[in-house]
Amino acid sequence: MVLRESCYPEGHPLLAVSLTNLAVAQRRLGQLDEAAAATERALAIQQAAMGERHPLVAQSLAALGDIEMARGHVAKAEPLLARALEIRTATLPPNHESLAASHADLGTLALAQGQPQVAEGHFKTALAMRERSEAPASPALAGLWVNLGVALDRQGRPAEAEDLYRRAADLHREFGGDANPATTDAMFNLALALAAQQRFAEAVDLHQQVLALRQQHLPADLHRQLRSQRSLADAATAAGQPAAAARRRNGRGPS
């Protein structure tokens, strides 16, 4: 950043490149306020240099919307993500991966707004775009399956969500193994879907697997472990295993 600011005048497009890269690094470090400021500055440069409807402008709008979502500013995120989709629809091929990404972003936004039916539509559109473009299987595809499953779950449709979670867990396992947090997250959602269908014994078995994997591979992630313990206890109680449930609520394993 310092080198490019000393070599190029304010407003040069290469400064936007550096600012975008800086914002990505800050986002990963959890420096959301700083990432938002860098992205806003990059966006202003891009709009001035390239016009309001350039794909790179849409990219920065989407990135800023994602940051605002992470900051809990859902109302601020919505027009940014909607504008990014509008520009991408007008400037990119019909099945471009960035268009699918915009629909996925808006689906996530709709879930945060308590609108699972709207989210379902966006996630299905994103998946259809991926299928038409014949994009290879990837963790991003598995993430879409999970998100669609959540949208279905929140509409009281756990049986439909079950298959999506299974496929997502298998694909995440293929890319990252059981140590991959995304693998156990998909398995956790699957266990919740089984419990919602009153298949409590299956849910207990799966929650036990998830908890063991999280304790083995994510020992510092106490939040995920606590969620597993509580959900396992709930499933064990519903399955008529009160002793196991009590042990789990107290943070102890099976005897």
Protein backbone atom coordinates (compact mmCIF):
# COMPACT_ATOMS: atom_id res chain seq x y z
CA MET A 1 0.00 0.00 0.00
CA VAL A 2 2.70 2.49 0.96
CA LEU A 3 4.67 1.79 -2.25
CA ARG A 4 1.69 2.16 -4.55
CA GLU A 5 0.47 5.31 -2.83
CA SER A 6 3.91 6.83 -3.34
CA CYS A 7 4.04 5.77 -7.02
CA TYR A 8 0.52 6.47 -8.20
CA PRO A 9 -1.79 9.44 -7.78
CA GLU A 10 -4.87 9.25 -5.57
CA GLY A 11 -7.68 7.57 -7.48
CA HIS A 12 -5.45 5.30 -9.60
CA PRO A 13 -7.11 1.88 -10.23
CA LEU A 14 -4.05 0.03 -8.91
CA LEU A 15 -4.67 1.62 -5.52
CA ALA A 16 -8.09 -0.06 -5.54
CA VAL A 17 -6.37 -3.41 -6.11
CA SER A 18 -4.13 -2.89 -3.08
CA LEU A 19 -7.05 -1.68 -0.96
CA THR A 20 -9.10 -4.73 -1.93
CA ASN A 21 -6.27 -7.09 -0.97
CA LEU A 22 -5.79 -5.21 2.28
CA ALA A 23 -9.50 -5.51 3.08
CA VAL A 24 -9.41 -9.27 2.46
CA ALA A 25 -6.55 -9.65 4.94
CA GLN A 26 -8.28 -7.46 7.51
CA ARG A 27 -11.54 -9.41 7.09
CA ARG A 28 -9.72 -12.66 7.83
CA LEU A 29 -8.21 -11.12 10.95
CA GLY A 30 -11.61 -9.98 12.15
CA GLN A 31 -10.76 -6.30 11.66
CA LEU A 32 -14.18 -5.53 10.23
CA ASP A 33 -14.19 -1.76 10.66
CA GLU A 34 -10.84 -1.44 8.93
CA ALA A 35 -11.91 -3.84 6.16
CA ALA A 36 -15.07 -1.80 5.58
CA ALA A 37 -13.10 1.43 5.31
CA ALA A 38 -10.60 -0.06 2.85
CA THR A 39 -13.38 -1.55 0.72
CA GLU A 40 -15.32 1.72 0.66
CA ARG A 41 -12.21 3.54 -0.53
CA ALA A 42 -11.55 0.91 -3.22
CA LEU A 43 -15.19 1.15 -4.33
CA ALA A 44 -14.99 4.92 -4.69
CA ILE A 45 -11.86 4.65 -6.84
CA GLN A 46 -13.41 1.96 -9.04
CA GLN A 47 -16.64 3.91 -9.55
CA ALA A 48 -14.72 7.02 -10.56
CA ALA A 49 -12.32 5.16 -12.88
CA MET A 50 -14.59 2.49 -14.38
CA GLY A 51 -18.14 3.73 -14.01
CA GLU A 52 -21.02 2.61 -11.82
CA ARG A 53 -21.77 -0.65 -13.65
CA HIS A 54 -18.40 -2.39 -13.95
CA PRO A 55 -18.04 -6.00 -12.66
CA LEU A 56 -15.23 -4.87 -10.33
CA VAL A 57 -17.61 -2.34 -8.81
CA ALA A 58 -20.06 -5.20 -8.22
CA GLN A 59 -17.26 -7.22 -6.62
CA SER A 60 -16.53 -4.43 -4.14
CA LEU A 61 -20.23 -3.90 -3.42
CA ALA A 62 -20.61 -7.61 -2.66
CA ALA A 63 -17.50 -7.59 -0.47
CA LEU A 64 -18.76 -4.56 1.45
CA GLY A 65 -22.15 -6.21 1.87
CA ASP A 66 -20.47 -9.31 3.29
CA ILE A 67 -18.51 -7.18 5.74
CA GLU A 68 -21.65 -5.35 6.84
CA MET A 69 -23.37 -8.70 7.40
CA ALA A 70 -20.45 -9.78 9.57
CA ARG A 71 -20.75 -6.52 11.52
CA GLY A 72 -24.43 -7.27 12.12
CA HIS A 73 -25.58 -4.40 9.88
CA VAL A 74 -28.17 -6.35 7.89
CA ALA A 75 -30.06 -3.26 6.73
CA LYS A 76 -26.84 -1.77 5.32
CA ALA A 77 -25.90 -5.01 3.60
CA GLU A 78 -29.15 -5.45 1.68
CA PRO A 79 -28.86 -2.58 -0.86
CA LEU A 80 -25.17 -3.34 -1.42
CA LEU A 81 -25.81 -6.99 -2.23
CA ALA A 82 -28.86 -6.17 -4.34
CA ARG A 83 -26.88 -3.62 -6.36
CA ALA A 84 -24.06 -6.12 -6.89
CA LEU A 85 -26.55 -8.64 -8.29
CA GLU A 86 -28.10 -5.99 -10.54
CA ILE A 87 -24.72 -5.06 -12.06
CA ARG A 88 -23.64 -8.67 -12.48
CA THR A 89 -26.92 -9.60 -14.16
CA ALA A 90 -26.42 -6.77 -16.66
CA THR A 91 -22.73 -7.33 -17.39
CA LEU A 92 -21.89 -11.01 -16.96
CA PRO A 93 -22.88 -14.24 -18.78
CA PRO A 94 -26.06 -15.88 -17.41
CA ASN A 95 -24.35 -18.67 -15.46
CA HIS A 96 -21.25 -16.80 -14.31
CA GLU A 97 -19.98 -17.91 -10.91
CA SER A 98 -20.18 -14.34 -9.60
CA LEU A 99 -23.91 -14.30 -10.33
CA ALA A 100 -24.31 -17.51 -8.36
CA ALA A 101 -22.28 -15.94 -5.56
CA SER A 102 -24.60 -12.93 -5.48
CA HIS A 103 -27.66 -15.15 -5.13
CA ALA A 104 -25.91 -17.09 -2.36
CA ASP A 105 -25.12 -13.82 -0.56
CA LEU A 106 -28.74 -12.68 -0.81
CA GLY A 107 -29.88 -16.07 0.45
CA THR A 108 -27.69 -15.70 3.51
CA LEU A 109 -29.08 -12.21 4.01
CA ALA A 110 -32.66 -13.51 3.79
CA LEU A 111 -31.91 -16.13 6.45
CA ALA A 112 -30.60 -13.38 8.73
CA GLN A 113 -33.82 -11.46 8.09
CA GLY A 114 -35.98 -14.44 9.03
CA GLN A 115 -37.14 -15.03 5.44
CA PRO A 116 -36.32 -18.71 4.74
CA GLN A 117 -38.64 -18.94 1.71
CA VAL A 118 -36.82 -16.04 0.04
CA ALA A 119 -33.50 -17.64 0.99
CA GLU A 120 -34.60 -20.94 -0.55
CA GLY A 121 -35.22 -19.24 -3.88
CA HIS A 122 -31.82 -17.59 -3.95
CA PHE A 123 -29.95 -20.76 -2.97
CA LYS A 124 -31.81 -22.83 -5.57
CA THR A 125 -31.01 -20.24 -8.23
CA ALA A 126 -27.32 -20.31 -7.28
CA LEU A 127 -27.28 -24.12 -7.43
CA ALA A 128 -29.02 -24.15 -10.81
CA MET A 129 -26.44 -21.72 -12.19
CA ARG A 130 -23.63 -23.95 -11.00
CA GLU A 131 -25.26 -26.99 -12.60
CA ARG A 132 -25.80 -25.24 -15.93
CA SER A 133 -22.21 -24.03 -15.99
CA GLU A 134 -20.97 -27.53 -15.16
CA ALA A 135 -18.73 -26.12 -12.45
CA PRO A 136 -16.73 -28.85 -10.71
CA ALA A 137 -17.66 -30.04 -7.26
CA SER A 138 -16.13 -27.81 -4.60
CA PRO A 139 -16.51 -26.75 -0.97
CA ALA A 140 -18.55 -23.79 -2.25
CA LEU A 141 -21.10 -26.24 -3.69
CA ALA A 142 -21.26 -28.09 -0.39
CA GLY A 143 -21.78 -24.77 1.38
CA LEU A 144 -24.76 -24.05 -0.88
CA TRP A 145 -26.27 -27.43 -0.02
CA VAL A 146 -25.94 -26.67 3.68
CA ASN A 147 -27.44 -23.21 3.32
CA LEU A 148 -30.38 -24.54 1.32
CA GLY A 149 -30.84 -27.22 3.97
CA VAL A 150 -31.01 -24.56 6.67
CA ALA A 151 -33.62 -22.64 4.67
CA LEU A 152 -35.71 -25.80 4.35
CA ASP A 153 -35.24 -26.69 8.02
CA ARG A 154 -36.54 -23.30 9.06
CA GLN A 155 -39.68 -23.95 7.04
CA GLY A 156 -40.30 -27.23 8.87
CA ARG A 157 -38.97 -29.43 6.05
CA PRO A 158 -36.17 -31.45 7.72
CA ALA A 159 -36.66 -34.51 5.53
CA GLU A 160 -35.74 -32.46 2.45
CA ALA A 161 -32.82 -30.90 4.28
CA GLU A 162 -31.46 -34.30 5.36
CA ASP A 163 -30.24 -35.32 1.90
CA LEU A 164 -28.56 -31.95 1.36
CA TYR A 165 -26.67 -32.21 4.65
CA ARG A 166 -25.53 -35.75 3.84
CA ARG A 167 -24.23 -34.70 0.43
CA ALA A 168 -22.50 -31.66 1.92
CA ALA A 169 -20.82 -33.69 4.66
CA ASP A 170 -19.54 -36.22 2.10
CA LEU A 171 -18.18 -33.50 -0.19
CA HIS A 172 -16.53 -31.54 2.62
CA ARG A 173 -14.99 -34.80 3.85
CA GLU A 174 -13.64 -35.45 0.36
CA PHE A 175 -11.85 -32.10 0.34
CA GLY A 176 -10.81 -31.72 3.99
CA GLY A 177 -11.42 -34.96 5.85
CA ASP A 178 -13.08 -35.26 9.25
CA ALA A 179 -10.77 -32.59 10.65
CA ASN A 180 -12.47 -30.02 8.42
CA PRO A 181 -14.84 -27.89 10.54
CA ALA A 182 -17.22 -27.70 7.58
CA THR A 183 -17.52 -31.50 7.64
CA THR A 184 -18.61 -31.63 11.25
CA ASP A 185 -20.86 -28.59 10.82
CA ALA A 186 -22.76 -30.42 8.05
CA MET A 187 -22.92 -33.56 10.19
CA PHE A 188 -24.22 -31.48 13.11
CA ASN A 189 -26.99 -30.00 10.96
CA LEU A 190 -27.83 -33.51 9.76
CA ALA A 191 -28.19 -34.70 13.36
CA LEU A 192 -30.56 -31.81 14.08
CA ALA A 193 -32.62 -32.71 11.00
CA LEU A 194 -32.85 -36.32 12.17
CA ALA A 195 -34.02 -35.19 15.61
CA ALA A 196 -36.62 -32.93 13.99
CA GLN A 197 -37.99 -36.07 12.31
CA GLN A 198 -38.10 -37.82 15.73
CA ARG A 199 -35.31 -40.20 14.70
CA PHE A 200 -33.70 -39.63 18.05
CA ALA A 201 -31.49 -42.73 18.27
CA GLU A 202 -29.87 -41.87 14.94
CA ALA A 203 -29.45 -38.27 16.07
CA VAL A 204 -27.76 -39.36 19.30
CA ASP A 205 -25.28 -41.56 17.41
CA LEU A 206 -24.42 -38.77 14.98
CA HIS A 207 -24.11 -36.11 17.69
CA GLN A 208 -21.69 -38.41 19.53
CA GLN A 209 -19.58 -38.74 16.37
CA VAL A 210 -19.58 -34.99 15.83
CA LEU A 211 -18.63 -34.23 19.43
CA ALA A 212 -15.77 -36.75 19.36
CA LEU A 213 -14.43 -35.28 16.10
CA ARG A 214 -14.68 -31.73 17.41
CA GLN A 215 -12.89 -32.65 20.62
CA GLN A 216 -10.16 -34.39 18.64
CA HIS A 217 -9.63 -31.92 15.82
CA LEU A 218 -10.95 -28.63 17.26
CA PRO A 219 -9.93 -28.74 20.94
CA ALA A 220 -9.87 -24.94 21.23
CA ASP A 221 -13.31 -24.44 19.70
CA LEU A 222 -15.33 -24.60 22.89
CA HIS A 223 -18.37 -22.97 21.29
CA ARG A 224 -18.83 -25.82 18.80
CA GLN A 225 -18.19 -28.41 21.50
CA LEU A 226 -20.76 -26.86 23.82
CA ARG A 227 -23.38 -26.80 21.07
CA SER A 228 -22.67 -30.49 20.40
CA GLN A 229 -22.98 -31.36 24.10
CA ARG A 230 -26.29 -29.55 24.46
CA SER A 231 -27.78 -30.98 21.29
CA LEU A 232 -26.62 -34.47 22.21
CA ALA A 233 -28.20 -34.09 25.65
CA ASP A 234 -31.48 -32.97 24.10
CA ALA A 235 -31.51 -35.86 21.64
CA ALA A 236 -30.60 -38.36 24.38
CA THR A 237 -33.47 -37.12 26.56
CA ALA A 238 -35.90 -37.43 23.65
CA ALA A 239 -34.57 -40.92 22.93
CA GLY A 240 -35.24 -41.98 26.53
CA GLN A 241 -31.61 -41.92 27.66
CA PRO A 242 -31.79 -39.56 30.67
CA ALA A 243 -28.53 -40.75 32.23
CA ALA A 244 -26.57 -40.05 29.06
CA ALA A 245 -28.30 -36.70 28.75
CA ALA A 246 -27.32 -35.72 32.29
CA ARG A 247 -23.69 -36.65 31.67
CA ARG A 248 -23.61 -34.55 28.52
CA ARG A 249 -25.18 -31.53 30.21
CA ASN A 250 -22.42 -31.75 32.78
CA GLY A 251 -19.78 -31.96 30.07
CA ARG A 252 -18.89 -35.62 30.68
CA GLY A 253 -18.72 -38.41 28.15
CA PRO A 254 -20.48 -41.78 28.24
CA SER A 255 -19.46 -44.23 30.92
